[in-house]
Amino acid sequence: MTQLTVRDLIARKGEPLHLEVLAAEQGLDREITLPAVSSPGLVLAGYTERFSSRRLYALGETEISYLGSLDPAARRVALEAFMGKDLPCVFVTKGLDPPEELLALGAERGIPVVRSSLKTAEFYRRITPYLTEVFAPNTTMHASLADVYGVGLLLTGRSGIGKSECVLDLVERGHRLVADDVVHVTQRGTDLLMGRANELNPSLAMNHYHYAWYLCLFRRAEEALVEHRRAHELDPLTPLHTTWLPAVYWFSEHPDYEEALSLARENVERYIPGVTAHYVLGETLAMMGQYEEAIAVHEELARIFPAWSAPLGETYARAGRIEDARRVLEDLEARPPSSFNANGLASLHAVLGNRDEALYWLEYEPAHAWVAWGVASESFDAFRGDPRFEAVMRRMNLQMVPGDRVPTPLPVIAPPLAGTEDTP
């Protein structure tokens, strides 16, 4: 049975959800028993039938405006009907100031009132997946799990029968290992099972670093910043945790290039020579349209680390220096093929508009880890819908919904567990 208190929720998701406790801190140990957040709706108008006291409730601009339109006596009556239930918690979104009566009733009845600065829709978007994951039915199995063409293949059987050997044979054939020996299986909805491996030690800085970049892939930059900074706190001496931090600001809905630029300049001075520091500074300048300085930085990067010349070619192309970009391209193509080189060639061909060549290098095996972020970038916008490009996306376990700028992960699907088909 999943146990989650309001205090647990704030400790785990307080920063991504921008939470601030306004009243009834003594009620933070109230238990959350349902993965549901909703508006109080008609209960504020006095209709309390079918109102569930087990849900979390959020008051947005509409609800706060409605309460503000009532006279003090009517507002008190409305809020007493709402807060008279044994609610686990009440949220107020958009950084709004709640009515004093709400704070007083929360303090009186021990129901925490928590404010988020997020807009209501964004608040729902962030909290709902977390609650759904926490409360999802789950089990642990002695098995091995492989990702075969985006579909989860679960191998079960007694110890020593050869599960690990089978899954490793699949890996040798180009498929992906998800978990071996212990598989945690979680039910999503009524007909989808998700399998994963044991979690790694959460105190390891590199775990937070890699999770930050997973979040960046899906444009969850604010959460990524929290994870990246945590990596730096745990291991401030590893340059990765410092030099890549400015790049996280690129992935926000409204990129903060000025902050990225400031941090990137500091890193270039701190790490001499520094391949990542130079790359991030040059890319940031290029994104800001400051091509002359970006080219100078990338030329220095290519001089110190010749393998990193692809970013220079891309910046040349974006600045309109097509012949210089083609010269870099010829140099890259003359080198022995590698995963890293193929990734750079794919991006440079894409910027130059060479569709077939870009797809050829995207299909290179084994793929470099950065390909996932590459195919989700603006450089490949013109490739959306191309069957070859969509195949590459699937190989990365990604899909792009038409009209959406942010990729979504493909689910790893395993057959339903016995007895769970009708589980709600």
Protein backbone atom coordinates (compact mmCIF):
# COMPACT_ATOMS: atom_id res chain seq x y z
CA MET A 1 0.00 0.00 0.00
CA THR A 2 1.50 3.33 -1.10
CA GLN A 3 1.91 5.88 1.68
CA LEU A 4 2.46 9.52 0.79
CA THR A 5 2.03 12.51 3.07
CA VAL A 6 1.78 16.18 2.19
CA ARG A 7 5.20 16.60 3.78
CA ASP A 8 6.63 13.89 1.48
CA LEU A 9 5.12 15.58 -1.57
CA ILE A 10 6.64 18.94 -0.66
CA ALA A 11 10.04 17.40 0.13
CA ARG A 12 10.19 15.54 -3.21
CA LYS A 13 8.48 17.98 -5.58
CA GLY A 14 8.59 21.30 -3.74
CA GLU A 15 11.14 22.89 -6.08
CA PRO A 16 9.69 21.74 -9.44
CA LEU A 17 6.18 22.68 -8.28
CA HIS A 18 7.33 25.97 -6.66
CA LEU A 19 5.53 25.17 -3.42
CA GLU A 20 5.21 27.44 -0.38
CA VAL A 21 3.30 26.47 2.78
CA LEU A 22 0.98 29.31 3.83
CA ALA A 23 -1.02 27.74 6.66
CA ALA A 24 -1.34 24.68 8.91
CA GLU A 25 2.20 23.33 8.92
CA GLN A 26 0.98 21.06 11.73
CA GLY A 27 -1.10 19.25 9.10
CA LEU A 28 1.75 18.33 6.78
CA ASP A 29 1.66 14.71 7.94
CA ARG A 30 -1.83 14.27 6.53
CA GLU A 31 -1.89 11.29 4.20
CA ILE A 32 -2.58 11.57 0.46
CA THR A 33 -4.56 8.52 -0.60
CA LEU A 34 -5.61 9.30 -4.19
CA PRO A 35 -3.53 10.30 -7.26
CA ALA A 36 -6.03 13.03 -8.10
CA VAL A 37 -5.93 16.83 -8.12
CA SER A 38 -8.96 18.81 -9.19
CA SER A 39 -10.87 22.06 -8.81
CA PRO A 40 -13.44 22.21 -6.00
CA GLY A 41 -16.04 23.22 -8.59
CA LEU A 42 -19.62 23.56 -7.39
CA VAL A 43 -18.79 22.93 -3.75
CA LEU A 44 -17.86 26.63 -3.50
CA ALA A 45 -21.42 27.38 -4.61
CA GLY A 46 -22.83 25.15 -1.87
CA TYR A 47 -23.37 21.87 -3.76
CA THR A 48 -21.48 19.25 -1.76
CA GLU A 49 -23.04 16.03 -3.10
CA ARG A 50 -20.49 13.68 -4.69
CA PHE A 51 -17.66 15.80 -3.32
CA SER A 52 -14.68 13.60 -2.41
CA SER A 53 -12.66 14.62 0.63
CA ARG A 54 -9.83 12.26 -0.35
CA ARG A 55 -8.71 14.32 -3.35
CA LEU A 56 -6.19 17.14 -3.47
CA TYR A 57 -7.78 20.41 -4.53
CA ALA A 58 -6.32 23.38 -6.38
CA LEU A 59 -7.78 26.89 -6.42
CA GLY A 60 -6.82 28.78 -9.56
CA GLU A 61 -7.58 32.28 -10.76
CA THR A 62 -11.24 31.46 -11.48
CA GLU A 63 -11.91 30.13 -7.98
CA ILE A 64 -10.02 32.93 -6.22
CA SER A 65 -11.83 35.55 -8.32
CA TYR A 66 -15.19 33.95 -7.54
CA LEU A 67 -14.46 33.95 -3.80
CA GLY A 68 -13.33 37.56 -4.02
CA SER A 69 -16.66 38.51 -5.60
CA LEU A 70 -18.61 37.26 -2.55
CA ASP A 71 -19.34 39.37 0.49
CA PRO A 72 -17.44 38.28 3.64
CA ALA A 73 -20.36 36.33 5.10
CA ALA A 74 -21.07 34.40 1.88
CA ARG A 75 -17.34 33.75 1.37
CA ARG A 76 -17.10 32.31 4.88
CA VAL A 77 -20.07 30.01 4.24
CA ALA A 78 -18.60 28.82 0.92
CA LEU A 79 -15.20 28.10 2.42
CA GLU A 80 -16.65 26.36 5.48
CA ALA A 81 -18.54 23.99 3.18
CA PHE A 82 -15.28 23.30 1.34
CA MET A 83 -12.92 23.12 4.32
CA GLY A 84 -15.47 21.27 6.42
CA LYS A 85 -14.34 18.10 4.67
CA ASP A 86 -11.26 16.27 5.94
CA LEU A 87 -9.08 17.30 3.01
CA PRO A 88 -5.42 16.28 2.80
CA CYS A 89 -4.31 19.62 1.37
CA VAL A 90 -5.43 22.68 -0.60
CA PHE A 91 -3.26 24.31 -3.28
CA VAL A 92 -3.48 27.88 -4.56
CA THR A 93 -1.86 28.35 -7.97
CA LYS A 94 -0.43 31.24 -10.01
CA GLY A 95 1.11 32.81 -6.89
CA LEU A 96 -2.29 34.23 -5.95
CA ASP A 97 -3.12 35.51 -2.47
CA PRO A 98 -5.81 33.29 -0.94
CA PRO A 99 -8.68 34.76 1.08
CA GLU A 100 -7.88 35.27 4.76
CA GLU A 101 -10.83 33.03 5.61
CA LEU A 102 -9.19 30.13 3.77
CA LEU A 103 -5.95 30.54 5.73
CA ALA A 104 -7.83 30.82 9.01
CA LEU A 105 -9.91 27.71 8.35
CA GLY A 106 -6.83 25.79 7.24
CA ALA A 107 -4.97 26.70 10.45
CA GLU A 108 -8.04 25.94 12.57
CA ARG A 109 -8.68 22.51 11.05
CA GLY A 110 -5.07 21.49 10.34
CA ILE A 111 -5.52 21.41 6.57
CA PRO A 112 -2.34 22.72 4.89
CA VAL A 113 -2.79 25.58 2.43
CA VAL A 114 0.09 25.51 -0.05
CA ARG A 115 0.78 28.06 -2.78
CA SER A 116 2.45 27.43 -6.15
CA SER A 117 3.71 30.20 -8.41
CA LEU A 118 2.99 28.01 -11.45
CA LYS A 119 0.01 28.68 -13.67
CA THR A 120 -2.83 26.26 -12.97
CA ALA A 121 -2.45 24.23 -16.18
CA GLU A 122 1.31 23.90 -15.68
CA PHE A 123 0.79 22.92 -12.03
CA TYR A 124 -1.56 20.10 -13.11
CA ARG A 125 0.87 19.04 -15.86
CA ARG A 126 3.69 18.59 -13.37
CA ILE A 127 1.94 17.10 -10.36
CA THR A 128 -0.40 14.62 -12.10
CA PRO A 129 2.30 12.33 -13.65
CA TYR A 130 4.12 12.21 -10.31
CA LEU A 131 1.01 11.19 -8.36
CA THR A 132 0.03 8.69 -11.05
CA GLU A 133 3.46 7.07 -10.83
CA VAL A 134 3.49 6.98 -7.02
CA PHE A 135 0.07 5.33 -6.75
CA ALA A 136 0.33 2.99 -9.73
CA PRO A 137 -0.06 -0.76 -8.90
CA ASN A 138 3.37 -2.35 -8.96
CA THR A 139 5.23 -5.56 -8.27
CA THR A 140 8.79 -6.87 -8.34
CA MET A 141 9.66 -9.93 -10.40
CA HIS A 142 12.62 -12.27 -10.65
CA ALA A 143 13.12 -11.86 -14.40
CA SER A 144 15.07 -10.13 -17.17
CA LEU A 145 13.70 -7.38 -19.40
CA ALA A 146 14.88 -6.27 -22.84
CA ASP A 147 13.68 -3.52 -25.16
CA VAL A 148 13.12 -5.16 -28.56
CA TYR A 149 12.14 -2.60 -31.22
CA GLY A 150 10.44 -0.48 -28.55
CA VAL A 151 8.49 -3.40 -27.04
CA GLY A 152 9.37 -4.84 -23.65
CA LEU A 153 10.26 -8.53 -23.70
CA LEU A 154 10.04 -10.02 -20.19
CA LEU A 155 11.91 -13.31 -19.65
CA THR A 156 10.77 -15.29 -16.61
CA GLY A 157 11.73 -18.67 -15.19
CA ARG A 158 13.47 -20.38 -12.32
CA SER A 159 17.01 -19.44 -11.28
CA GLY A 160 19.73 -20.76 -13.55
CA ILE A 161 17.46 -21.50 -16.51
CA GLY A 162 19.25 -18.94 -18.71
CA LYS A 163 17.26 -15.68 -18.55
CA SER A 164 20.34 -13.50 -18.42
CA GLU A 165 22.01 -15.37 -21.28
CA CYS A 166 18.93 -14.89 -23.45
CA VAL A 167 18.69 -11.17 -22.78
CA LEU A 168 22.43 -10.67 -23.35
CA ASP A 169 22.09 -12.47 -26.67
CA LEU A 170 19.40 -9.93 -27.60
CA VAL A 171 21.77 -7.10 -26.61
CA GLU A 172 24.44 -8.54 -28.90
CA ARG A 173 21.89 -8.39 -31.72
CA GLY A 174 21.39 -4.65 -31.19
CA HIS A 175 18.53 -4.59 -28.70
CA ARG A 176 18.64 -2.89 -25.31
CA LEU A 177 18.96 -4.31 -21.82
CA VAL A 178 16.47 -2.76 -19.40
CA ALA A 179 16.91 -4.91 -16.29
CA ASP A 180 18.45 -8.21 -15.28
CA ASP A 181 17.52 -10.46 -12.37
CA VAL A 182 15.18 -7.93 -10.66
CA VAL A 183 12.47 -6.14 -12.65
CA HIS A 184 10.10 -3.60 -11.13
CA VAL A 185 6.79 -3.65 -13.01
CA THR A 186 4.28 -0.81 -12.79
CA GLN A 187 0.79 -0.75 -14.26
CA ARG A 188 -0.24 2.37 -16.21
CA GLY A 189 -3.91 2.67 -17.05
CA THR A 190 -5.73 -0.61 -17.62
CA ASP A 191 -3.62 -2.29 -20.29
CA LEU A 192 -0.04 -0.96 -20.09
CA LEU A 193 2.81 -2.34 -18.00
CA MET A 194 6.13 -0.54 -17.62
CA GLY A 195 9.28 -2.33 -16.51
CA ARG A 196 12.43 -0.82 -15.04
CA ALA A 197 15.59 -1.81 -13.23
CA ASN A 198 16.57 -1.10 -9.63
CA GLU A 199 17.16 2.56 -8.89
CA LEU A 200 20.76 3.58 -8.51
CA ASN A 201 22.10 5.21 -5.38
CA PRO A 202 20.37 8.64 -5.27
CA SER A 203 23.42 10.16 -3.58
CA LEU A 204 25.57 9.59 -6.67
CA ALA A 205 26.10 12.90 -8.45
CA MET A 206 26.25 11.31 -11.89
CA ASN A 207 22.72 9.96 -11.47
CA HIS A 208 21.40 13.50 -10.96
CA TYR A 209 23.48 14.73 -13.90
CA HIS A 210 22.10 12.13 -16.32
CA TYR A 211 18.55 12.60 -15.05
CA ALA A 212 18.90 16.33 -15.67
CA TRP A 213 19.67 15.69 -19.32
CA TYR A 214 16.80 13.24 -19.61
CA LEU A 215 14.52 16.05 -18.38
CA CYS A 216 16.09 18.49 -20.87
CA LEU A 217 15.19 16.17 -23.72
CA PHE A 218 11.53 16.70 -22.85
CA ARG A 219 11.95 20.46 -22.24
CA ARG A 220 11.49 20.18 -18.47
CA ALA A 221 14.28 22.69 -17.88
CA GLU A 222 13.31 23.92 -14.42
CA GLU A 223 13.33 20.38 -13.03
CA ALA A 224 16.57 19.70 -14.90
CA LEU A 225 18.24 22.70 -13.26
CA VAL A 226 17.35 21.30 -9.83
CA GLU A 227 18.93 17.94 -10.70
CA HIS A 228 22.01 19.45 -12.36
CA ARG A 229 22.67 21.73 -9.40
CA ARG A 230 22.27 18.77 -7.07
CA ALA A 231 24.93 16.92 -9.07
CA HIS A 232 27.24 19.89 -8.62
CA GLU A 233 26.55 20.04 -4.87
CA LEU A 234 27.40 16.35 -4.47
CA ASP A 235 30.50 16.49 -6.67
CA PRO A 236 31.70 20.07 -7.32
CA LEU A 237 35.12 18.93 -8.57
CA THR A 238 33.85 17.08 -11.67
CA PRO A 239 33.91 19.55 -14.61
CA LEU A 240 30.89 17.90 -16.27
CA HIS A 241 28.64 19.16 -13.51
CA THR A 242 29.81 22.74 -14.10
CA THR A 243 30.56 23.07 -17.80
CA TRP A 244 27.25 21.61 -19.03
CA LEU A 245 25.07 23.58 -16.61
CA PRO A 246 24.69 26.67 -18.87
CA ALA A 247 23.29 24.45 -21.64
CA VAL A 248 20.32 23.47 -19.47
CA TYR A 249 19.01 27.03 -19.87
CA TRP A 250 18.63 26.41 -23.63
CA PHE A 251 15.84 23.92 -23.02
CA SER A 252 13.40 26.16 -21.19
CA GLU A 253 10.11 27.16 -22.79
CA HIS A 254 11.59 30.67 -22.74
CA PRO A 255 15.38 30.09 -22.94
CA ASP A 256 17.47 32.25 -20.63
CA TYR A 257 20.41 32.84 -22.95
CA GLU A 258 21.82 35.70 -20.86
CA GLU A 259 22.23 33.47 -17.80
CA ALA A 260 23.64 30.69 -19.97
CA LEU A 261 26.12 33.11 -21.53
CA SER A 262 27.28 34.45 -18.16
CA LEU A 263 27.92 30.95 -16.78
CA ALA A 264 29.55 29.77 -20.02
CA ARG A 265 32.03 32.68 -20.02
CA GLU A 266 32.99 31.85 -16.43
CA ASN A 267 33.58 28.21 -17.38
CA VAL A 268 35.85 29.08 -20.31
CA GLU A 269 38.03 31.10 -17.94
CA ARG A 270 37.94 28.37 -15.30
CA TYR A 271 38.81 25.41 -17.55
CA ILE A 272 41.77 26.06 -19.86
CA PRO A 273 41.65 24.32 -22.24
CA GLY A 274 38.10 23.07 -21.83
CA VAL A 275 36.32 21.28 -24.65
CA THR A 276 32.82 21.37 -23.16
CA ALA A 277 33.22 24.92 -21.88
CA HIS A 278 34.17 26.17 -25.36
CA TYR A 279 31.41 24.18 -27.05
CA VAL A 280 28.68 25.48 -24.73
CA LEU A 281 29.88 29.08 -25.00
CA GLY A 282 30.02 28.92 -28.80
CA GLU A 283 26.56 27.32 -29.07
CA THR A 284 25.05 29.87 -26.70
CA LEU A 285 26.46 32.76 -28.72
CA ALA A 286 25.18 31.19 -31.95
CA MET A 287 21.70 30.77 -30.48
CA MET A 288 21.76 34.47 -29.57
CA GLY A 289 22.70 35.36 -33.15
CA GLN A 290 26.17 36.60 -32.15
CA TYR A 291 27.80 34.64 -34.96
CA GLU A 292 31.12 36.48 -35.20
CA GLU A 293 32.06 35.72 -31.60
CA ALA A 294 30.52 32.22 -31.81
CA ILE A 295 32.70 31.41 -34.82
CA ALA A 296 35.79 32.65 -33.00
CA VAL A 297 35.03 30.39 -30.02
CA HIS A 298 34.28 27.37 -32.22
CA GLU A 299 37.40 27.95 -34.31
CA GLU A 300 39.43 27.86 -31.09
CA LEU A 301 37.59 24.69 -30.08
CA ALA A 302 38.36 23.01 -33.43
CA ARG A 303 42.00 24.10 -33.18
CA ILE A 304 42.44 22.60 -29.70
CA PHE A 305 40.18 19.57 -30.27
CA PRO A 306 39.94 18.82 -34.02
CA ALA A 307 37.31 16.12 -33.43
CA TRP A 308 34.95 18.90 -32.36
CA SER A 309 34.83 20.73 -35.69
CA ALA A 310 31.17 19.94 -36.53
CA PRO A 311 29.81 22.76 -34.30
CA LEU A 312 32.06 25.18 -36.21
CA GLY A 313 30.58 24.00 -39.51
CA GLU A 314 27.04 24.45 -38.20
CA THR A 315 27.80 27.97 -36.99
CA TYR A 316 29.39 28.85 -40.33
CA ALA A 317 26.21 27.63 -42.08
CA ARG A 318 23.88 29.58 -39.79
CA ALA A 319 25.99 32.69 -40.32
CA GLY A 320 25.68 32.31 -44.10
CA ARG A 321 29.29 31.21 -44.65
CA ILE A 322 28.26 28.16 -46.66
CA GLU A 323 31.59 27.52 -48.37
CA ASP A 324 33.38 27.50 -45.01
CA ALA A 325 30.74 25.08 -43.69
CA ARG A 326 31.27 22.77 -46.68
CA ARG A 327 35.01 22.85 -46.12
CA VAL A 328 34.47 21.63 -42.55
CA LEU A 329 32.08 18.98 -43.89
CA GLU A 330 34.66 17.65 -46.34
CA ASP A 331 37.22 17.40 -43.56
CA LEU A 332 34.79 15.48 -41.33
CA GLU A 333 33.83 13.06 -44.09
CA ALA A 334 37.49 12.30 -44.76
CA ARG A 335 37.94 10.99 -41.22
CA PRO A 336 37.31 7.37 -40.17
CA PRO A 337 33.62 6.92 -39.27
CA SER A 338 32.67 6.80 -35.60
CA SER A 339 29.53 7.34 -33.54
CA PHE A 340 30.64 10.81 -32.49
CA ASN A 341 31.68 11.81 -36.01
CA ALA A 342 28.41 10.47 -37.47
CA ASN A 343 26.38 12.55 -35.02
CA GLY A 344 28.25 15.71 -36.07
CA LEU A 345 27.90 14.90 -39.77
CA ALA A 346 24.15 14.34 -39.43
CA SER A 347 23.66 17.72 -37.76
CA LEU A 348 25.87 19.58 -40.20
CA HIS A 349 24.20 18.02 -43.25
CA ALA A 350 20.80 18.89 -41.75
CA VAL A 351 21.74 22.55 -41.29
CA LEU A 352 23.04 22.64 -44.88
CA GLY A 353 19.78 21.14 -46.15
CA ASN A 354 21.33 17.84 -47.31
CA ARG A 355 18.42 15.61 -46.36
CA ASP A 356 19.57 12.21 -47.65
CA GLU A 357 23.09 12.62 -46.28
CA ALA A 358 21.76 13.73 -42.87
CA LEU A 359 19.50 10.67 -42.69
CA TYR A 360 22.35 8.41 -43.77
CA TRP A 361 24.49 9.52 -40.83
CA LEU A 362 21.54 9.49 -38.40
CA GLU A 363 21.14 5.80 -39.23
CA TYR A 364 24.78 5.05 -38.37
CA GLU A 365 25.21 2.21 -35.87
CA PRO A 366 26.09 2.18 -33.07
CA ALA A 367 24.40 5.52 -32.48
CA HIS A 368 26.03 8.14 -30.28
CA ALA A 369 24.16 9.02 -27.08
CA TRP A 370 23.65 12.60 -28.28
CA VAL A 371 21.54 11.56 -31.28
CA ALA A 372 18.39 11.66 -29.12
CA TRP A 373 18.90 15.36 -28.38
CA GLY A 374 19.87 16.02 -31.98
CA VAL A 375 16.72 14.58 -33.55
CA ALA A 376 14.60 16.59 -31.10
CA SER A 377 16.28 19.89 -32.06
CA GLU A 378 15.13 22.56 -34.48
CA SER A 379 17.81 21.45 -36.95
CA PHE A 380 15.61 18.48 -37.85
CA ASP A 381 12.21 20.21 -37.92
CA ALA A 382 12.02 19.77 -41.70
CA PHE A 383 12.49 16.00 -41.29
CA ARG A 384 9.32 15.43 -39.25
CA GLY A 385 7.08 12.88 -40.92
CA ASP A 386 9.84 11.33 -43.05
CA PRO A 387 9.62 7.52 -42.53
CA ARG A 388 13.39 7.16 -42.22
CA PHE A 389 13.54 9.96 -39.66
CA GLU A 390 10.62 8.53 -37.69
CA ALA A 391 12.44 5.17 -37.64
CA VAL A 392 15.47 6.88 -36.10
CA MET A 393 13.19 8.49 -33.50
CA ARG A 394 11.73 5.08 -32.62
CA ARG A 395 15.22 3.67 -32.31
CA MET A 396 15.81 6.35 -29.67
CA ASN A 397 12.51 5.30 -28.01
CA LEU A 398 11.04 8.68 -28.98
CA GLN A 399 8.08 9.91 -30.95
CA MET A 400 7.03 13.38 -32.06
CA VAL A 401 3.31 14.12 -31.98
CA PRO A 402 2.33 16.15 -35.10
CA GLY A 403 2.32 19.85 -34.30
CA ASP A 404 4.26 19.38 -31.05
CA ARG A 405 7.79 20.71 -30.53
CA VAL A 406 8.62 18.40 -27.63
CA PRO A 407 9.25 14.66 -28.11
CA THR A 408 7.58 12.05 -25.95
CA PRO A 409 9.03 8.68 -24.92
CA LEU A 410 7.73 5.50 -26.43
CA PRO A 411 6.48 3.11 -23.73
CA VAL A 412 8.32 -0.13 -23.05
CA ILE A 413 5.43 -2.58 -23.13
CA ALA A 414 5.37 -5.98 -21.48
CA PRO A 415 2.52 -8.54 -21.51
CA PRO A 416 -0.09 -8.02 -18.73
CA LEU A 417 0.63 -9.74 -15.45
CA ALA A 418 -1.75 -12.51 -14.53
CA GLY A 419 -4.73 -11.18 -12.62
CA THR A 420 -4.13 -7.49 -13.42
CA GLU A 421 -6.19 -7.17 -16.60
CA ASP A 422 -9.21 -5.70 -14.78
CA THR A 423 -7.35 -3.90 -12.00
CA PRO A 424 -8.48 -0.25 -11.88
